[in-house]
């Protein structure tokens, strides 16, 4: 490992341990939902392949006759509150939600800062 990366890696590791501890001790709240949820994401920015994975996951689940939907924060979305992404909208809902909607138009896609809502 590059010696210059050791301090930021140690800091990152510590922050992850603190976050995990907060959930383990119930200092942070886990919200239970009435439907199964598969989370696709990571701590890095764009360009890591999340959108194609989401589209493939939807395809695989629908082949098993499992109905699906997608929820997203809608990074840089022009929508306040929660809203469904319509196909071909002039309003910007965020790049990923709109791309997923184009690829799987029959699947409901929702954006909102508070995803559980």
N, C-alpha and C. Protein backbone atom coordinates (compact mmCIF):
# COMPACT_ATOMS: atom_id res chain seq x y z
N UNK A 1 0.85 -1.18 0.00
CA UNK A 1 0.00 0.00 0.00
C UNK A 1 0.89 1.24 0.00
N UNK A 2 0.49 2.22 -0.73
CA UNK A 2 1.20 3.49 -0.77
C UNK A 2 1.18 4.11 0.63
N UNK A 3 2.34 4.49 1.17
CA UNK A 3 2.38 5.02 2.54
C UNK A 3 1.53 6.28 2.72
N UNK A 4 1.31 7.02 1.65
CA UNK A 4 0.49 8.23 1.77
C UNK A 4 -1.00 7.91 1.95
N UNK A 5 -1.38 6.69 1.60
CA UNK A 5 -2.78 6.29 1.73
C UNK A 5 -3.11 5.70 3.10
N UNK A 6 -2.10 5.41 3.88
CA UNK A 6 -2.34 4.79 5.19
C UNK A 6 -3.17 5.69 6.11
N UNK A 7 -2.85 6.99 6.28
CA UNK A 7 -3.69 7.82 7.17
C UNK A 7 -5.15 7.93 6.71
N UNK A 8 -5.42 8.24 5.41
CA UNK A 8 -6.84 8.30 5.04
C UNK A 8 -7.54 6.95 5.15
N UNK A 9 -6.83 5.86 4.88
CA UNK A 9 -7.45 4.54 5.00
C UNK A 9 -7.79 4.25 6.46
N UNK A 10 -6.90 4.62 7.37
CA UNK A 10 -7.16 4.41 8.80
C UNK A 10 -8.34 5.25 9.26
N UNK A 11 -8.42 6.49 8.79
CA UNK A 11 -9.54 7.37 9.13
C UNK A 11 -10.85 6.78 8.61
N UNK A 12 -10.86 6.36 7.36
CA UNK A 12 -12.06 5.77 6.76
C UNK A 12 -12.49 4.53 7.54
N UNK A 13 -11.55 3.66 7.86
CA UNK A 13 -11.84 2.45 8.62
C UNK A 13 -12.45 2.79 9.97
N UNK A 14 -11.90 3.79 10.63
CA UNK A 14 -12.42 4.20 11.94
C UNK A 14 -13.85 4.72 11.83
N UNK A 15 -14.12 5.51 10.81
CA UNK A 15 -15.46 6.06 10.63
C UNK A 15 -16.48 4.95 10.36
N UNK A 16 -16.10 3.96 9.57
CA UNK A 16 -16.99 2.84 9.29
C UNK A 16 -17.27 2.06 10.57
N UNK A 17 -16.23 1.85 11.39
CA UNK A 17 -16.42 1.14 12.66
C UNK A 17 -17.36 1.91 13.59
N UNK A 18 -17.23 3.23 13.62
CA UNK A 18 -18.11 4.06 14.46
C UNK A 18 -19.55 3.96 13.96
N UNK A 19 -19.73 4.03 12.65
CA UNK A 19 -21.08 3.93 12.08
C UNK A 19 -21.70 2.57 12.42
N UNK A 20 -20.93 1.50 12.24
CA UNK A 20 -21.44 0.16 12.55
C UNK A 20 -21.77 0.02 14.04
N UNK A 21 -20.95 0.59 14.88
CA UNK A 21 -21.20 0.56 16.32
C UNK A 21 -22.49 1.30 16.67
N UNK A 22 -22.71 2.43 15.99
CA UNK A 22 -23.93 3.20 16.24
C UNK A 22 -25.18 2.38 15.93
N UNK A 23 -25.14 1.60 14.86
CA UNK A 23 -26.29 0.73 14.55
C UNK A 23 -26.37 -0.43 15.52
N UNK A 24 -25.23 -1.02 15.88
CA UNK A 24 -25.23 -2.16 16.81
C UNK A 24 -25.76 -1.77 18.18
N UNK A 25 -25.45 -0.55 18.62
CA UNK A 25 -25.91 -0.08 19.93
C UNK A 25 -27.27 0.62 19.86
N UNK A 26 -27.82 0.67 18.66
CA UNK A 26 -29.12 1.31 18.40
C UNK A 26 -29.11 2.81 18.68
N UNK A 27 -27.96 3.43 18.49
CA UNK A 27 -27.90 4.90 18.56
C UNK A 27 -28.44 5.49 17.26
N UNK A 28 -28.25 4.74 16.17
CA UNK A 28 -28.83 5.11 14.88
C UNK A 28 -30.01 4.19 14.63
N UNK A 29 -31.05 4.74 14.05
CA UNK A 29 -32.29 4.00 13.86
C UNK A 29 -32.30 3.26 12.52
N UNK A 30 -32.67 2.01 12.56
CA UNK A 30 -32.89 1.22 11.36
C UNK A 30 -34.39 1.21 11.11
N UNK A 31 -34.80 1.57 9.93
CA UNK A 31 -36.22 1.61 9.62
C UNK A 31 -36.63 0.32 8.93
N UNK A 32 -37.61 -0.35 9.50
CA UNK A 32 -38.14 -1.58 8.92
C UNK A 32 -39.22 -1.22 7.90
N UNK A 33 -39.19 -1.90 6.77
CA UNK A 33 -40.18 -1.67 5.73
C UNK A 33 -41.04 -2.91 5.55
N UNK A 34 -42.19 -2.74 4.93
CA UNK A 34 -43.14 -3.83 4.78
C UNK A 34 -42.84 -4.72 3.57
N UNK A 35 -41.85 -4.36 2.79
CA UNK A 35 -41.47 -5.13 1.61
C UNK A 35 -39.97 -5.42 1.66
N UNK A 36 -39.53 -6.50 1.01
CA UNK A 36 -38.10 -6.76 0.95
C UNK A 36 -37.38 -5.66 0.17
N UNK A 37 -36.16 -5.34 0.60
CA UNK A 37 -35.37 -4.29 -0.04
C UNK A 37 -34.00 -4.83 -0.38
N UNK A 38 -33.54 -4.55 -1.59
CA UNK A 38 -32.18 -4.85 -2.00
C UNK A 38 -31.51 -3.51 -2.23
N UNK A 39 -30.45 -3.25 -1.51
CA UNK A 39 -29.74 -1.98 -1.65
C UNK A 39 -28.55 -2.16 -2.59
N UNK A 40 -28.49 -1.31 -3.60
CA UNK A 40 -27.37 -1.34 -4.54
C UNK A 40 -26.66 0.00 -4.41
N UNK A 41 -25.47 -0.04 -3.88
CA UNK A 41 -24.74 1.21 -3.71
C UNK A 41 -23.42 0.98 -3.05
N UNK A 42 -22.69 2.07 -2.91
CA UNK A 42 -21.39 2.01 -2.26
C UNK A 42 -21.02 3.42 -1.82
N UNK A 43 -19.84 3.56 -1.29
CA UNK A 43 -19.43 4.84 -0.75
C UNK A 43 -18.70 5.71 -1.75
N UNK A 44 -18.52 5.23 -2.96
CA UNK A 44 -17.81 6.02 -3.96
C UNK A 44 -18.81 6.79 -4.81
N UNK A 45 -18.29 7.60 -5.67
CA UNK A 45 -19.15 8.41 -6.54
C UNK A 45 -19.65 7.62 -7.73
N UNK A 46 -19.99 8.33 -8.76
CA UNK A 46 -20.53 7.72 -9.96
C UNK A 46 -19.49 6.92 -10.74
N UNK A 47 -20.00 6.20 -11.73
CA UNK A 47 -19.12 5.47 -12.61
C UNK A 47 -18.66 4.12 -12.10
N UNK A 48 -19.34 3.59 -11.08
CA UNK A 48 -18.92 2.30 -10.53
C UNK A 48 -19.82 1.15 -10.98
N UNK A 49 -20.77 1.42 -11.86
CA UNK A 49 -21.59 0.36 -12.43
C UNK A 49 -22.88 0.04 -11.70
N UNK A 50 -23.35 0.96 -10.85
CA UNK A 50 -24.58 0.68 -10.11
C UNK A 50 -25.80 0.60 -11.04
N UNK A 51 -25.92 1.50 -12.00
CA UNK A 51 -27.09 1.54 -12.88
C UNK A 51 -27.24 0.26 -13.68
N UNK A 52 -26.19 -0.25 -14.34
CA UNK A 52 -26.35 -1.53 -15.05
C UNK A 52 -26.70 -2.69 -14.11
N UNK A 53 -26.15 -2.68 -12.89
CA UNK A 53 -26.49 -3.73 -11.93
C UNK A 53 -27.97 -3.66 -11.57
N UNK A 54 -28.49 -2.46 -11.37
CA UNK A 54 -29.90 -2.29 -11.05
C UNK A 54 -30.77 -2.83 -12.19
N UNK A 55 -30.43 -2.49 -13.42
CA UNK A 55 -31.22 -2.96 -14.56
C UNK A 55 -31.16 -4.48 -14.69
N UNK A 56 -30.00 -5.08 -14.49
CA UNK A 56 -29.88 -6.54 -14.55
C UNK A 56 -30.64 -7.21 -13.41
N UNK A 57 -30.59 -6.60 -12.23
CA UNK A 57 -31.31 -7.14 -11.08
C UNK A 57 -32.82 -7.11 -11.33
N UNK A 58 -33.31 -6.01 -11.87
CA UNK A 58 -34.74 -5.91 -12.21
C UNK A 58 -35.11 -7.01 -13.20
N UNK A 59 -34.30 -7.20 -14.22
CA UNK A 59 -34.56 -8.22 -15.23
C UNK A 59 -34.61 -9.61 -14.61
N UNK A 60 -33.64 -9.92 -13.75
CA UNK A 60 -33.59 -11.23 -13.11
C UNK A 60 -34.80 -11.46 -12.21
N UNK A 61 -35.17 -10.44 -11.43
CA UNK A 61 -36.32 -10.58 -10.53
C UNK A 61 -37.62 -10.73 -11.30
N UNK A 62 -37.75 -9.99 -12.38
CA UNK A 62 -38.99 -10.09 -13.16
C UNK A 62 -39.10 -11.43 -13.87
N UNK A 63 -37.97 -12.04 -14.25
CA UNK A 63 -38.00 -13.39 -14.83
C UNK A 63 -38.51 -14.40 -13.80
N UNK A 64 -38.29 -14.11 -12.52
CA UNK A 64 -38.80 -14.96 -11.44
C UNK A 64 -40.19 -14.52 -11.01
N UNK A 65 -40.80 -13.63 -11.78
CA UNK A 65 -42.14 -13.09 -11.54
C UNK A 65 -42.23 -12.38 -10.19
N UNK A 66 -41.17 -11.66 -9.85
CA UNK A 66 -41.15 -10.83 -8.65
C UNK A 66 -41.26 -9.37 -9.10
N UNK A 67 -42.35 -8.71 -8.70
CA UNK A 67 -42.52 -7.32 -9.12
C UNK A 67 -41.49 -6.44 -8.41
N UNK A 68 -41.04 -5.43 -9.11
CA UNK A 68 -39.96 -4.59 -8.60
C UNK A 68 -40.31 -3.11 -8.71
N UNK A 69 -39.57 -2.33 -7.99
CA UNK A 69 -39.63 -0.88 -8.07
C UNK A 69 -38.27 -0.38 -7.63
N UNK A 70 -37.98 0.86 -7.94
CA UNK A 70 -36.69 1.45 -7.60
C UNK A 70 -36.92 2.74 -6.84
N UNK A 71 -36.16 2.92 -5.76
CA UNK A 71 -36.17 4.20 -5.05
C UNK A 71 -34.75 4.74 -5.04
N UNK A 72 -34.65 6.05 -5.16
CA UNK A 72 -33.35 6.70 -5.24
C UNK A 72 -33.44 8.08 -4.61
N UNK A 73 -32.32 8.57 -4.15
CA UNK A 73 -32.29 9.95 -3.66
C UNK A 73 -32.46 10.93 -4.82
N UNK A 74 -32.08 10.50 -6.01
CA UNK A 74 -32.18 11.39 -7.16
C UNK A 74 -31.16 12.51 -7.06
N UNK A 75 -29.89 12.15 -7.02
CA UNK A 75 -28.81 13.12 -6.87
C UNK A 75 -28.98 14.29 -7.85
N UNK A 76 -29.00 15.49 -7.33
CA UNK A 76 -29.18 16.74 -8.07
C UNK A 76 -30.57 16.85 -8.72
N UNK A 77 -31.54 16.11 -8.18
CA UNK A 77 -32.89 16.16 -8.70
C UNK A 77 -33.50 17.55 -8.50
N UNK A 78 -34.37 17.94 -9.41
CA UNK A 78 -35.09 19.22 -9.30
C UNK A 78 -36.39 19.05 -8.53
N UNK A 79 -36.67 17.85 -8.06
CA UNK A 79 -37.92 17.53 -7.39
C UNK A 79 -37.73 17.62 -5.88
N UNK A 80 -38.66 18.32 -5.22
CA UNK A 80 -38.63 18.34 -3.75
C UNK A 80 -39.67 17.36 -3.25
N UNK A 81 -39.36 16.68 -2.16
CA UNK A 81 -40.26 15.64 -1.68
C UNK A 81 -40.09 14.40 -2.54
N UNK A 82 -40.99 13.46 -2.41
CA UNK A 82 -40.93 12.24 -3.20
C UNK A 82 -41.80 12.34 -4.43
N UNK A 83 -41.35 11.72 -5.53
CA UNK A 83 -42.13 11.76 -6.76
C UNK A 83 -41.74 10.58 -7.65
N UNK A 84 -42.71 10.12 -8.44
CA UNK A 84 -42.42 9.06 -9.40
C UNK A 84 -41.82 9.67 -10.66
N UNK A 85 -40.84 8.98 -11.21
CA UNK A 85 -40.15 9.44 -12.42
C UNK A 85 -40.98 9.00 -13.63
N UNK A 86 -41.52 9.97 -14.39
CA UNK A 86 -42.25 9.60 -15.60
C UNK A 86 -41.28 9.43 -16.77
N UNK A 87 -41.66 8.63 -17.74
CA UNK A 87 -40.84 8.43 -18.93
C UNK A 87 -40.84 9.71 -19.76
N UNK A 88 -39.66 10.17 -20.16
CA UNK A 88 -39.55 11.33 -21.03
C UNK A 88 -39.87 12.65 -20.37
N UNK A 89 -39.64 12.77 -19.08
CA UNK A 89 -39.97 14.00 -18.36
C UNK A 89 -39.00 15.12 -18.69
N UNK A 90 -39.51 16.34 -18.71
CA UNK A 90 -38.66 17.52 -18.87
C UNK A 90 -38.01 17.92 -17.55
N UNK A 91 -38.57 17.45 -16.44
CA UNK A 91 -38.04 17.74 -15.11
C UNK A 91 -36.87 16.80 -14.85
N UNK A 92 -35.80 17.31 -14.24
CA UNK A 92 -34.63 16.49 -13.96
C UNK A 92 -34.81 15.78 -12.62
N UNK A 93 -34.87 14.44 -12.67
CA UNK A 93 -35.04 13.62 -11.48
C UNK A 93 -33.72 13.03 -11.00
N UNK A 94 -32.65 13.32 -11.71
CA UNK A 94 -31.35 12.72 -11.42
C UNK A 94 -31.00 11.78 -12.56
N UNK A 95 -29.72 11.68 -12.86
CA UNK A 95 -29.28 10.89 -14.01
C UNK A 95 -29.61 9.41 -13.90
N UNK A 96 -29.29 8.80 -12.77
CA UNK A 96 -29.52 7.36 -12.62
C UNK A 96 -31.00 6.99 -12.70
N UNK A 97 -31.88 7.66 -11.94
CA UNK A 97 -33.30 7.28 -12.03
C UNK A 97 -33.88 7.42 -13.43
N UNK A 98 -33.48 8.47 -14.14
CA UNK A 98 -34.03 8.67 -15.48
C UNK A 98 -33.47 7.64 -16.47
N UNK A 99 -32.21 7.27 -16.31
CA UNK A 99 -31.64 6.24 -17.17
C UNK A 99 -32.29 4.89 -16.92
N UNK A 100 -32.50 4.54 -15.66
CA UNK A 100 -33.17 3.28 -15.33
C UNK A 100 -34.58 3.29 -15.91
N UNK A 101 -35.29 4.40 -15.81
CA UNK A 101 -36.66 4.50 -16.34
C UNK A 101 -36.67 4.28 -17.85
N UNK A 102 -35.66 4.81 -18.55
CA UNK A 102 -35.57 4.61 -20.00
C UNK A 102 -35.35 3.14 -20.33
N UNK A 103 -34.53 2.47 -19.53
CA UNK A 103 -34.19 1.07 -19.82
C UNK A 103 -35.30 0.10 -19.42
N UNK A 104 -36.04 0.43 -18.35
CA UNK A 104 -37.13 -0.44 -17.88
C UNK A 104 -38.37 0.43 -17.63
N UNK A 105 -39.02 0.87 -18.71
CA UNK A 105 -40.11 1.85 -18.59
C UNK A 105 -41.33 1.39 -17.81
N UNK A 106 -41.54 0.08 -17.68
CA UNK A 106 -42.72 -0.41 -16.97
C UNK A 106 -42.52 -0.53 -15.46
N UNK A 107 -41.31 -0.28 -14.98
CA UNK A 107 -41.00 -0.40 -13.56
C UNK A 107 -41.16 0.96 -12.90
N UNK A 108 -41.88 1.04 -11.78
CA UNK A 108 -42.00 2.33 -11.09
C UNK A 108 -40.66 2.75 -10.47
N UNK A 109 -40.29 3.99 -10.74
CA UNK A 109 -39.05 4.57 -10.23
C UNK A 109 -39.44 5.81 -9.43
N UNK A 110 -38.99 5.89 -8.20
CA UNK A 110 -39.31 7.03 -7.35
C UNK A 110 -38.03 7.69 -6.85
N UNK A 111 -38.06 9.00 -6.71
CA UNK A 111 -36.93 9.72 -6.11
C UNK A 111 -37.45 10.52 -4.90
N UNK A 112 -36.56 10.73 -3.96
CA UNK A 112 -36.87 11.53 -2.78
C UNK A 112 -35.72 11.46 -1.81
N UNK A 113 -35.48 12.53 -1.13
CA UNK A 113 -34.38 12.59 -0.16
C UNK A 113 -34.59 11.57 0.95
N UNK A 114 -35.85 11.34 1.34
CA UNK A 114 -36.18 10.37 2.38
C UNK A 114 -36.74 9.12 1.70
N UNK A 115 -35.84 8.25 1.29
CA UNK A 115 -36.22 7.09 0.48
C UNK A 115 -37.29 6.20 1.12
N UNK A 116 -37.27 5.93 2.42
CA UNK A 116 -38.33 5.07 2.98
C UNK A 116 -39.74 5.62 2.79
N UNK A 117 -39.88 6.93 2.69
CA UNK A 117 -41.22 7.50 2.49
C UNK A 117 -41.72 7.17 1.10
